[in-house]
PDB file of N, CA and C in Angstrom:
ATOM      1  N   ASP A   1     -16.940  -2.969 -40.069  1.00  0.00           N
ATOM      2  CA  ASP A   1     -17.931  -3.676 -39.288  1.00  0.00           C
ATOM      3  C   ASP A   1     -18.487  -2.751 -38.182  1.00  0.00           C
ATOM      4  N   ARG A   2     -17.884  -1.629 -37.956  1.00  0.00           N
ATOM      5  CA  ARG A   2     -18.371  -0.757 -36.914  1.00  0.00           C
ATOM      6  C   ARG A   2     -19.261   0.393 -37.497  1.00  0.00           C
ATOM      7  N   VAL A   3     -19.283   0.550 -38.786  1.00  0.00           N
ATOM      8  CA  VAL A   3     -19.987   1.729 -39.391  1.00  0.00           C
ATOM      9  C   VAL A   3     -21.074   1.274 -40.309  1.00  0.00           C
ATOM     10  N   ALA A   4     -20.814   0.340 -41.203  1.00  0.00           N
ATOM     11  CA  ALA A   4     -21.709   0.003 -42.265  1.00  0.00           C
ATOM     12  C   ALA A   4     -22.809  -0.926 -41.792  1.00  0.00           C
ATOM     13  N   PRO A   5     -24.039  -0.525 -42.113  1.00  0.00           N
ATOM     14  CA  PRO A   5     -25.180  -1.488 -41.836  1.00  0.00           C
ATOM     15  C   PRO A   5     -25.073  -2.651 -42.921  1.00  0.00           C
ATOM     16  N   PRO A   6     -25.646  -3.788 -42.631  1.00  0.00           N
ATOM     17  CA  PRO A   6     -25.620  -4.921 -43.586  1.00  0.00           C
ATOM     18  C   PRO A   6     -26.245  -4.589 -44.956  1.00  0.00           C
ATOM     19  N   GLY A   7     -25.646  -5.078 -46.000  1.00  0.00           N
ATOM     20  CA  GLY A   7     -26.235  -5.029 -47.297  1.00  0.00           C
ATOM     21  C   GLY A   7     -26.336  -3.733 -48.013  1.00  0.00           C
ATOM     22  N   VAL A   8     -25.494  -2.785 -47.734  1.00  0.00           N
ATOM     23  CA  VAL A   8     -25.590  -1.416 -48.268  1.00  0.00           C
ATOM     24  C   VAL A   8     -24.645  -1.158 -49.457  1.00  0.00           C
ATOM     25  N   PHE A   9     -23.600  -1.915 -49.680  1.00  0.00           N
ATOM     26  CA  PHE A   9     -22.647  -1.599 -50.694  1.00  0.00           C
ATOM     27  C   PHE A   9     -22.770  -2.488 -51.846  1.00  0.00           C
ATOM     28  N   ASP A  10     -22.843  -1.922 -53.100  1.00  0.00           N
ATOM     29  CA  ASP A  10     -22.875  -2.690 -54.318  1.00  0.00           C
ATOM     30  C   ASP A  10     -21.445  -3.204 -54.644  1.00  0.00           C
ATOM     31  N   ILE A  11     -20.433  -2.313 -54.342  1.00  0.00           N
ATOM     32  CA  ILE A  11     -19.072  -2.609 -54.671  1.00  0.00           C
ATOM     33  C   ILE A  11     -18.175  -2.038 -53.581  1.00  0.00           C
ATOM     34  N   VAL A  12     -17.167  -2.811 -53.200  1.00  0.00           N
ATOM     35  CA  VAL A  12     -16.145  -2.324 -52.227  1.00  0.00           C
ATOM     36  C   VAL A  12     -14.793  -2.566 -52.902  1.00  0.00           C
ATOM     37  N   PHE A  13     -14.005  -1.481 -52.945  1.00  0.00           N
ATOM     38  CA  PHE A  13     -12.584  -1.503 -53.481  1.00  0.00           C
ATOM     39  C   PHE A  13     -11.652  -1.557 -52.281  1.00  0.00           C
ATOM     40  N   ALA A  14     -10.631  -2.380 -52.406  1.00  0.00           N
ATOM     41  CA  ALA A  14      -9.546  -2.393 -51.326  1.00  0.00           C
ATOM     42  C   ALA A  14      -8.177  -2.472 -52.048  1.00  0.00           C
ATOM     43  N   ASP A  15      -7.278  -1.683 -51.514  1.00  0.00           N
ATOM     44  CA  ASP A  15      -5.902  -1.645 -51.988  1.00  0.00           C
ATOM     45  C   ASP A  15      -5.010  -1.704 -50.693  1.00  0.00           C
ATOM     46  N   PRO A  16      -5.047  -2.807 -49.955  1.00  0.00           N
ATOM     47  CA  PRO A  16      -4.317  -2.881 -48.706  1.00  0.00           C
ATOM     48  C   PRO A  16      -2.780  -3.020 -48.960  1.00  0.00           C
ATOM     49  N   PRO A  17      -2.069  -2.628 -48.020  1.00  0.00           N
ATOM     50  CA  PRO A  17      -0.542  -2.800 -48.074  1.00  0.00           C
ATOM     51  C   PRO A  17      -0.236  -4.281 -48.314  1.00  0.00           C
ATOM     52  N   TYR A  18       0.747  -4.542 -49.183  1.00  0.00           N
ATOM     53  CA  TYR A  18       1.188  -5.868 -49.463  1.00  0.00           C
ATOM     54  C   TYR A  18       2.039  -6.360 -48.364  1.00  0.00           C
ATOM     55  N   ALA A  19       2.047  -7.662 -48.083  1.00  0.00           N
ATOM     56  CA  ALA A  19       2.984  -8.302 -47.202  1.00  0.00           C
ATOM     57  C   ALA A  19       4.250  -8.446 -47.980  1.00  0.00           C
ATOM     58  N   LYS A  20       5.311  -7.729 -47.666  1.00  0.00           N
ATOM     59  CA  LYS A  20       6.494  -7.651 -48.491  1.00  0.00           C
ATOM     60  C   LYS A  20       7.541  -8.687 -48.133  1.00  0.00           C
ATOM     61  N   THR A  21       7.446  -9.292 -46.893  1.00  0.00           N
ATOM     62  CA  THR A  21       8.370 -10.291 -46.466  1.00  0.00           C
ATOM     63  C   THR A  21       7.599 -11.435 -45.843  1.00  0.00           C
ATOM     64  N   PRO A  22       8.163 -12.673 -45.889  1.00  0.00           N
ATOM     65  CA  PRO A  22       7.470 -13.816 -45.315  1.00  0.00           C
ATOM     66  C   PRO A  22       7.124 -13.497 -43.799  1.00  0.00           C
ATOM     67  N   GLY A  23       6.021 -13.790 -43.409  1.00  0.00           N
ATOM     68  CA  GLY A  23       5.571 -13.589 -41.979  1.00  0.00           C
ATOM     69  C   GLY A  23       5.118 -12.203 -41.691  1.00  0.00           C
ATOM     70  N   ALA A  24       5.124 -11.280 -42.642  1.00  0.00           N
ATOM     71  CA  ALA A  24       4.702  -9.873 -42.404  1.00  0.00           C
ATOM     72  C   ALA A  24       3.131  -9.948 -42.443  1.00  0.00           C
ATOM     73  N   ARG A  25       2.566  -8.979 -41.850  1.00  0.00           N
ATOM     74  CA  ARG A  25       1.094  -8.913 -41.735  1.00  0.00           C
ATOM     75  C   ARG A  25       0.491  -8.852 -43.134  1.00  0.00           C
ATOM     76  N   ASP A  26      -0.487  -9.644 -43.391  1.00  0.00           N
ATOM     77  CA  ASP A  26      -1.169  -9.734 -44.716  1.00  0.00           C
ATOM     78  C   ASP A  26      -2.614  -9.188 -44.584  1.00  0.00           C
ATOM     79  N   PHE A  27      -2.694  -7.884 -44.941  1.00  0.00           N
ATOM     80  CA  PHE A  27      -3.918  -7.165 -44.770  1.00  0.00           C
ATOM     81  C   PHE A  27      -5.012  -7.774 -45.666  1.00  0.00           C
ATOM     82  N   GLY A  28      -4.556  -8.185 -46.936  1.00  0.00           N
ATOM     83  CA  GLY A  28      -5.600  -8.735 -47.938  1.00  0.00           C
ATOM     84  C   GLY A  28      -6.185  -9.968 -47.309  1.00  0.00           C
ATOM     85  N   ALA A  29      -5.410 -10.851 -46.727  1.00  0.00           N
ATOM     86  CA  ALA A  29      -5.993 -12.071 -46.121  1.00  0.00           C
ATOM     87  C   ALA A  29      -6.841 -11.783 -44.940  1.00  0.00           C
ATOM     88  N   GLU A  30      -6.523 -10.684 -44.225  1.00  0.00           N
ATOM     89  CA  GLU A  30      -7.334 -10.273 -43.040  1.00  0.00           C
ATOM     90  C   GLU A  30      -8.659  -9.817 -43.562  1.00  0.00           C
ATOM     91  N   LEU A  31      -8.740  -9.049 -44.633  1.00  0.00           N
ATOM     92  CA  LEU A  31     -10.017  -8.563 -45.227  1.00  0.00           C
ATOM     93  C   LEU A  31     -10.834  -9.729 -45.684  1.00  0.00           C
ATOM     94  N   LEU A  32     -10.222 -10.700 -46.360  1.00  0.00           N
ATOM     95  CA  LEU A  32     -10.944 -11.855 -46.874  1.00  0.00           C
ATOM     96  C   LEU A  32     -11.511 -12.695 -45.761  1.00  0.00           C
ATOM     97  N   ALA A  33     -10.850 -12.717 -44.614  1.00  0.00           N
ATOM     98  CA  ALA A  33     -11.321 -13.507 -43.470  1.00  0.00           C
ATOM     99  C   ALA A  33     -12.338 -12.731 -42.631  1.00  0.00           C
ATOM    100  N   SER A  34     -12.523 -11.503 -42.903  1.00  0.00           N
ATOM    101  CA  SER A  34     -13.448 -10.692 -42.101  1.00  0.00           C
ATOM    102  C   SER A  34     -14.934 -11.087 -42.353  1.00  0.00           C
ATOM    103  N   PRO A  35     -15.658 -11.558 -41.284  1.00  0.00           N
ATOM    104  CA  PRO A  35     -17.017 -11.887 -41.482  1.00  0.00           C
ATOM    105  C   PRO A  35     -17.965 -10.744 -41.823  1.00  0.00           C
ATOM    106  N   SER A  36     -17.553  -9.553 -41.452  1.00  0.00           N
ATOM    107  CA  SER A  36     -18.371  -8.373 -41.671  1.00  0.00           C
ATOM    108  C   SER A  36     -18.383  -7.907 -43.136  1.00  0.00           C
ATOM    109  N   LEU A  37     -17.231  -8.127 -43.843  1.00  0.00           N
ATOM    110  CA  LEU A  37     -17.166  -7.650 -45.204  1.00  0.00           C
ATOM    111  C   LEU A  37     -18.248  -8.190 -46.131  1.00  0.00           C
ATOM    112  N   PRO A  38     -18.413  -9.526 -46.199  1.00  0.00           N
ATOM    113  CA  PRO A  38     -19.513 -10.061 -47.084  1.00  0.00           C
ATOM    114  C   PRO A  38     -20.840  -9.586 -46.662  1.00  0.00           C
ATOM    115  N   ARG A  39     -21.064  -9.375 -45.352  1.00  0.00           N
ATOM    116  CA  ARG A  39     -22.388  -8.937 -44.839  1.00  0.00           C
ATOM    117  C   ARG A  39     -22.665  -7.474 -45.329  1.00  0.00           C
ATOM    118  N   ALA A  40     -21.664  -6.721 -45.491  1.00  0.00           N
ATOM    119  CA  ALA A  40     -21.820  -5.294 -45.814  1.00  0.00           C
ATOM    120  C   ALA A  40     -22.176  -5.120 -47.339  1.00  0.00           C
ATOM    121  N   LEU A  41     -21.962  -6.184 -48.161  1.00  0.00           N
ATOM    122  CA  LEU A  41     -22.329  -6.148 -49.542  1.00  0.00           C
ATOM    123  C   LEU A  41     -23.794  -6.392 -49.775  1.00  0.00           C
ATOM    124  N   ALA A  42     -24.407  -5.609 -50.710  1.00  0.00           N
ATOM    125  CA  ALA A  42     -25.790  -5.822 -51.127  1.00  0.00           C
ATOM    126  C   ALA A  42     -25.812  -7.113 -51.890  1.00  0.00           C
ATOM    127  N   PRO A  43     -26.999  -7.730 -52.034  1.00  0.00           N
ATOM    128  CA  PRO A  43     -27.119  -8.888 -52.878  1.00  0.00           C
ATOM    129  C   PRO A  43     -26.626  -8.550 -54.308  1.00  0.00           C
ATOM    130  N   GLY A  44     -25.784  -9.462 -54.804  1.00  0.00           N
ATOM    131  CA  GLY A  44     -25.124  -9.224 -56.069  1.00  0.00           C
ATOM    132  C   GLY A  44     -23.937  -8.303 -56.049  1.00  0.00           C
ATOM    133  N   GLY A  45     -23.522  -7.881 -54.799  1.00  0.00           N
ATOM    134  CA  GLY A  45     -22.390  -6.939 -54.635  1.00  0.00           C
ATOM    135  C   GLY A  45     -21.079  -7.679 -54.905  1.00  0.00           C
ATOM    136  N   ILE A  46     -19.997  -6.883 -55.156  1.00  0.00           N
ATOM    137  CA  ILE A  46     -18.709  -7.418 -55.497  1.00  0.00           C
ATOM    138  C   ILE A  46     -17.624  -6.715 -54.678  1.00  0.00           C
ATOM    139  N   PHE A  47     -16.606  -7.465 -54.317  1.00  0.00           N
ATOM    140  CA  PHE A  47     -15.449  -6.987 -53.631  1.00  0.00           C
ATOM    141  C   PHE A  47     -14.291  -7.017 -54.567  1.00  0.00           C
ATOM    142  N   VAL A  48     -13.598  -5.840 -54.804  1.00  0.00           N
ATOM    143  CA  VAL A  48     -12.492  -5.810 -55.667  1.00  0.00           C
ATOM    144  C   VAL A  48     -11.234  -5.558 -54.840  1.00  0.00           C
ATOM    145  N   LEU A  49     -10.309  -6.552 -54.942  1.00  0.00           N
ATOM    146  CA  LEU A  49      -9.091  -6.537 -54.131  1.00  0.00           C
ATOM    147  C   LEU A  49      -7.842  -6.411 -54.968  1.00  0.00           C
ATOM    148  N   GLU A  50      -7.046  -5.437 -54.681  1.00  0.00           N
ATOM    149  CA  GLU A  50      -5.720  -5.294 -55.362  1.00  0.00           C
ATOM    150  C   GLU A  50      -4.744  -6.043 -54.501  1.00  0.00           C
ATOM    151  N   GLN A  51      -3.938  -6.880 -55.185  1.00  0.00           N
ATOM    152  CA  GLN A  51      -2.938  -7.694 -54.537  1.00  0.00           C
ATOM    153  C   GLN A  51      -1.799  -8.059 -55.400  1.00  0.00           C
ATOM    154  N   PRO A  52      -0.749  -8.634 -54.851  1.00  0.00           N
ATOM    155  CA  PRO A  52       0.420  -9.046 -55.762  1.00  0.00           C
ATOM    156  C   PRO A  52      -0.088 -10.168 -56.666  1.00  0.00           C
ATOM    157  N   PRO A  53       0.460 -10.199 -57.848  1.00  0.00           N
ATOM    158  CA  PRO A  53       0.081 -11.234 -58.815  1.00  0.00           C
ATOM    159  C   PRO A  53       0.270 -12.624 -58.241  1.00  0.00           C
ATOM    160  N   GLY A  54      -0.621 -13.578 -58.623  1.00  0.00           N
ATOM    161  CA  GLY A  54      -0.581 -14.932 -58.202  1.00  0.00           C
ATOM    162  C   GLY A  54      -0.874 -15.178 -56.739  1.00  0.00           C
ATOM    163  N   SER A  55      -1.394 -14.190 -55.961  1.00  0.00           N
ATOM    164  CA  SER A  55      -1.784 -14.441 -54.626  1.00  0.00           C
ATOM    165  C   SER A  55      -2.998 -15.322 -54.523  1.00  0.00           C
ATOM    166  N   PRO A  56      -2.856 -16.469 -53.823  1.00  0.00           N
ATOM    167  CA  PRO A  56      -4.012 -17.352 -53.717  1.00  0.00           C
ATOM    168  C   PRO A  56      -5.000 -16.846 -52.723  1.00  0.00           C
ATOM    169  N   LEU A  57      -6.252 -17.247 -52.823  1.00  0.00           N
ATOM    170  CA  LEU A  57      -7.234 -16.944 -51.800  1.00  0.00           C
ATOM    171  C   LEU A  57      -6.978 -17.885 -50.641  1.00  0.00           C
ATOM    172  N   PRO A  58      -7.133 -17.461 -49.430  1.00  0.00           N
ATOM    173  CA  PRO A  58      -6.921 -18.368 -48.328  1.00  0.00           C
ATOM    174  C   PRO A  58      -7.808 -19.550 -48.375  1.00  0.00           C
ATOM    175  N   ALA A  59      -7.363 -20.765 -47.904  1.00  0.00           N
ATOM    176  CA  ALA A  59      -8.185 -21.937 -47.872  1.00  0.00           C
ATOM    177  C   ALA A  59      -9.429 -21.757 -47.073  1.00  0.00           C
ATOM    178  N   GLY A  60     -10.565 -22.300 -47.458  1.00  0.00           N
ATOM    179  CA  GLY A  60     -11.729 -22.130 -46.693  1.00  0.00           C
ATOM    180  C   GLY A  60     -12.363 -20.735 -46.805  1.00  0.00           C
ATOM    181  N   THR A  61     -12.019 -20.037 -47.804  1.00  0.00           N
ATOM    182  CA  THR A  61     -12.504 -18.608 -47.919  1.00  0.00           C
ATOM    183  C   THR A  61     -13.981 -18.571 -48.206  1.00  0.00           C
ATOM    184  N   ALA A  62     -14.589 -17.497 -47.795  1.00  0.00           N
ATOM    185  CA  ALA A  62     -15.968 -17.216 -48.085  1.00  0.00           C
ATOM    186  C   ALA A  62     -16.227 -16.504 -49.395  1.00  0.00           C
ATOM    187  N   TRP A  63     -15.247 -16.531 -50.258  1.00  0.00           N
ATOM    188  CA  TRP A  63     -15.293 -15.726 -51.501  1.00  0.00           C
ATOM    189  C   TRP A  63     -15.095 -16.620 -52.736  1.00  0.00           C
ATOM    190  N   GLU A  64     -15.750 -16.220 -53.801  1.00  0.00           N
ATOM    191  CA  GLU A  64     -15.624 -16.881 -55.126  1.00  0.00           C
ATOM    192  C   GLU A  64     -15.036 -15.867 -56.083  1.00  0.00           C
ATOM    193  N   CYS A  65     -13.949 -16.280 -56.739  1.00  0.00           N
ATOM    194  CA  CYS A  65     -13.249 -15.318 -57.710  1.00  0.00           C
ATOM    195  C   CYS A  65     -14.021 -15.349 -59.009  1.00  0.00           C
ATOM    196  N   ALA A  66     -14.553 -14.183 -59.363  1.00  0.00           N
ATOM    197  CA  ALA A  66     -15.284 -14.071 -60.646  1.00  0.00           C
ATOM    198  C   ALA A  66     -14.346 -13.678 -61.782  1.00  0.00           C
ATOM    199  N   ARG A  67     -13.266 -12.900 -61.442  1.00  0.00           N
ATOM    200  CA  ARG A  67     -12.404 -12.519 -62.502  1.00  0.00           C
ATOM    201  C   ARG A  67     -11.122 -12.072 -61.881  1.00  0.00           C
ATOM    202  N   VAL A  68     -10.027 -12.200 -62.613  1.00  0.00           N
ATOM    203  CA  VAL A  68      -8.720 -11.652 -62.181  1.00  0.00           C
ATOM    204  C   VAL A  68      -8.032 -10.914 -63.329  1.00  0.00           C
ATOM    205  N   LYS A  69      -7.546  -9.766 -63.152  1.00  0.00           N
ATOM    206  CA  LYS A  69      -6.881  -9.015 -64.178  1.00  0.00           C
ATOM    207  C   LYS A  69      -5.447  -8.647 -63.683  1.00  0.00           C
ATOM    208  N   LYS A  70      -4.457  -8.792 -64.499  1.00  0.00           N
ATOM    209  CA  LYS A  70      -3.124  -8.429 -64.076  1.00  0.00           C
ATOM    210  C   LYS A  70      -2.685  -7.122 -64.797  1.00  0.00           C
ATOM    211  N   TYR A  71      -2.055  -6.265 -64.088  1.00  0.00           N
ATOM    212  CA  TYR A  71      -1.561  -5.008 -64.573  1.00  0.00           C
ATOM    213  C   TYR A  71      -0.105  -4.841 -64.071  1.00  0.00           C
ATOM    214  N   GLY A  72       0.856  -5.366 -64.796  1.00  0.00           N
ATOM    215  CA  GLY A  72       2.213  -5.250 -64.415  1.00  0.00           C
ATOM    216  C   GLY A  72       2.472  -5.982 -63.114  1.00  0.00           C
ATOM    217  N   ALA A  73       2.879  -5.318 -62.052  1.00  0.00           N
ATOM    218  CA  ALA A  73       3.186  -5.944 -60.802  1.00  0.00           C
ATOM    219  C   ALA A  73       2.009  -5.929 -59.867  1.00  0.00           C
ATOM    220  N   THR A  74       0.802  -5.748 -60.401  1.00  0.00           N
ATOM    221  CA  THR A  74      -0.429  -5.740 -59.659  1.00  0.00           C
ATOM    222  C   THR A  74      -1.480  -6.631 -60.294  1.00  0.00           C
ATOM    223  N   GLU A  75      -2.277  -7.312 -59.350  1.00  0.00           N
ATOM    224  CA  GLU A  75      -3.396  -8.107 -59.819  1.00  0.00           C
ATOM    225  C   GLU A  75      -4.653  -7.574 -59.111  1.00  0.00           C
ATOM    226  N   VAL A  76      -5.763  -7.555 -59.858  1.00  0.00           N
ATOM    227  CA  VAL A  76      -7.028  -7.141 -59.294  1.00  0.00           C
ATOM    228  C   VAL A  76      -7.956  -8.285 -59.386  1.00  0.00           C
ATOM    229  N   ALA A  77      -8.430  -8.765 -58.186  1.00  0.00           N
ATOM    230  CA  ALA A  77      -9.410  -9.856 -58.095  1.00  0.00           C
ATOM    231  C   ALA A  77     -10.803  -9.348 -57.845  1.00  0.00           C
ATOM    232  N   PHE A  78     -11.708  -9.817 -58.630  1.00  0.00           N
ATOM    233  CA  PHE A  78     -13.171  -9.458 -58.495  1.00  0.00           C
ATOM    234  C   PHE A  78     -13.840 -10.605 -57.793  1.00  0.00           C
ATOM    235  N   LEU A  79     -14.330 -10.396 -56.516  1.00  0.00           N
ATOM    236  CA  LEU A  79     -14.784 -11.497 -55.692  1.00  0.00           C
ATOM    237  C   LEU A  79     -16.203 -11.313 -55.336  1.00  0.00           C
ATOM    238  N   LEU A  80     -16.874 -12.426 -55.260  1.00  0.00           N
ATOM    239  CA  LEU A  80     -18.250 -12.515 -54.863  1.00  0.00           C
ATOM    240  C   LEU A  80     -18.415 -13.366 -53.628  1.00  0.00           C
ATOM    241  N   PRO A  81     -19.284 -12.978 -52.707  1.00  0.00           N
ATOM    242  CA  PRO A  81     -19.381 -13.910 -51.513  1.00  0.00           C
ATOM    243  C   PRO A  81     -19.854 -15.222 -51.982  1.00  0.00           C
ATOM    244  N   ALA A  82     -19.291 -16.254 -51.397  1.00  0.00           N
ATOM    245  CA  ALA A  82     -19.568 -17.687 -51.814  1.00  0.00           C
ATOM    246  C   ALA A  82     -20.884 -18.093 -51.249  1.00  0.00           C
TER     247      ALA A  82
END
């Protein structure tokens, strides 16, 4: 939010640290809640988030899940701004 002008990225990849224990900081949820991330995407842009398998999107999220792929102990969610 401090560097990117609005609408410049066609794709953003994120592999944040996982919350390994209950109550630990959840960087994936923080990214999904960030109002600046969807603004940084160009029209038709996509956000690709690596996360633990079965991780739900936070309620009231500004994202629509277009696709989810599982690779062992990892899940990759392809998200579009809602």
